[in-house]
């Protein structure tokens, strides 16, 4: 399994600083990641909340 980082679009925090949300998932390929995101209407969901995915990056170890 490969690891992928999913990022939200950037937004401005209450302190005026740019931020984004990130989550790490495991999958066999980009296609599998995209299929999972599409099945959730573009949302990445987890125990701590959900966000719309704007960027996917493969983690290279």
C-alpha atoms as a PDB file:
ATOM      1  CA  UNK A   1       0.000   0.000   0.000  1.00  0.00           C
ATOM      2  CA  UNK A   2       1.097   3.544  -0.746  1.00  0.00           C
ATOM      3  CA  UNK A   3       0.395   6.615   1.379  1.00  0.00           C
ATOM      4  CA  UNK A   4      -1.311   9.695  -0.003  1.00  0.00           C
ATOM      5  CA  UNK A   5      -1.807  13.147   1.514  1.00  0.00           C
ATOM      6  CA  UNK A   6      -5.152  14.803   0.814  1.00  0.00           C
ATOM      7  CA  UNK A   7      -5.299  18.595   1.162  1.00  0.00           C
ATOM      8  CA  UNK A   8      -8.196  21.030   1.352  1.00  0.00           C
ATOM      9  CA  UNK A   9      -8.240  24.388  -0.390  1.00  0.00           C
ATOM     10  CA  UNK A  10      -6.386  27.100   1.505  1.00  0.00           C
ATOM     11  CA  UNK A  11      -8.402  29.385   3.753  1.00  0.00           C
ATOM     12  CA  UNK A  12      -7.657  32.232   6.169  1.00  0.00           C
ATOM     13  CA  UNK A  13      -7.705  31.476   9.894  1.00  0.00           C
ATOM     14  CA  UNK A  14      -9.262  33.712  12.515  1.00  0.00           C
ATOM     15  CA  UNK A  15      -5.745  35.129  13.041  1.00  0.00           C
ATOM     16  CA  UNK A  16      -5.370  36.108   9.382  1.00  0.00           C
ATOM     17  CA  UNK A  17      -2.922  33.296   8.558  1.00  0.00           C
ATOM     18  CA  UNK A  18      -3.341  30.999   5.531  1.00  0.00           C
ATOM     19  CA  UNK A  19      -4.174  27.394   6.476  1.00  0.00           C
ATOM     20  CA  UNK A  20      -5.350  24.128   4.941  1.00  0.00           C
ATOM     21  CA  UNK A  21      -6.515  20.765   6.252  1.00  0.00           C
ATOM     22  CA  UNK A  22      -4.552  17.579   5.472  1.00  0.00           C
ATOM     23  CA  UNK A  23      -5.238  13.879   5.948  1.00  0.00           C
ATOM     24  CA  UNK A  24      -3.073  10.833   5.179  1.00  0.00           C
ATOM     25  CA  UNK A  25      -4.686   7.730   3.695  1.00  0.00           C
ATOM     26  CA  UNK A  26      -3.416   4.413   2.334  1.00  0.00           C
ATOM     27  CA  UNK A  27      -4.375   3.078  -1.091  1.00  0.00           C
ATOM     28  CA  UNK A  28      -2.893   1.022  -3.922  1.00  0.00           C
ATOM     29  CA  UNK A  29      -2.998   3.806  -6.545  1.00  0.00           C
ATOM     30  CA  UNK A  30      -4.120   7.334  -7.410  1.00  0.00           C
ATOM     31  CA  UNK A  31      -7.088   5.796  -9.222  1.00  0.00           C
ATOM     32  CA  UNK A  32      -8.245   4.106  -6.020  1.00  0.00           C
ATOM     33  CA  UNK A  33      -7.918   7.383  -4.082  1.00  0.00           C
ATOM     34  CA  UNK A  34      -9.855   9.314  -6.717  1.00  0.00           C
ATOM     35  CA  UNK A  35     -12.578   6.658  -6.861  1.00  0.00           C
ATOM     36  CA  UNK A  36     -13.032   6.840  -3.074  1.00  0.00           C
ATOM     37  CA  UNK A  37     -13.186  10.651  -3.130  1.00  0.00           C
ATOM     38  CA  UNK A  38     -15.688  10.626  -6.013  1.00  0.00           C
ATOM     39  CA  UNK A  39     -17.880   8.131  -4.149  1.00  0.00           C
ATOM     40  CA  UNK A  40     -18.066  10.698  -1.307  1.00  0.00           C
ATOM     41  CA  UNK A  41     -18.960  13.587  -3.676  1.00  0.00           C
ATOM     42  CA  UNK A  42     -15.452  15.061  -3.323  1.00  0.00           C
ATOM     43  CA  UNK A  43     -15.323  14.883   0.464  1.00  0.00           C
ATOM     44  CA  UNK A  44     -12.647  13.313   2.661  1.00  0.00           C
ATOM     45  CA  UNK A  45     -14.313  12.171   5.871  1.00  0.00           C
ATOM     46  CA  UNK A  46     -12.778  11.052   9.134  1.00  0.00           C
ATOM     47  CA  UNK A  47     -13.317  10.839  12.874  1.00  0.00           C
ATOM     48  CA  UNK A  48     -12.451  14.528  13.363  1.00  0.00           C
ATOM     49  CA  UNK A  49     -14.456  16.046  10.516  1.00  0.00           C
ATOM     50  CA  UNK A  50     -14.630  16.353   6.747  1.00  0.00           C
ATOM     51  CA  UNK A  51     -13.257  18.586   3.989  1.00  0.00           C
ATOM     52  CA  UNK A  52     -13.439  18.903   0.210  1.00  0.00           C
ATOM     53  CA  UNK A  53     -10.267  17.555  -1.395  1.00  0.00           C
ATOM     54  CA  UNK A  54      -8.400  20.067  -3.560  1.00  0.00           C
ATOM     55  CA  UNK A  55      -4.994  18.379  -3.926  1.00  0.00           C
ATOM     56  CA  UNK A  56      -3.569  14.839  -3.701  1.00  0.00           C
ATOM     57  CA  UNK A  57       0.112  14.087  -3.139  1.00  0.00           C
ATOM     58  CA  UNK A  58       1.800  10.673  -2.957  1.00  0.00           C
ATOM     59  CA  UNK A  59       4.109  10.267   0.056  1.00  0.00           C
ATOM     60  CA  UNK A  60       7.530   9.015  -1.010  1.00  0.00           C
ATOM     61  CA  UNK A  61       9.477   7.360   1.777  1.00  0.00           C
END
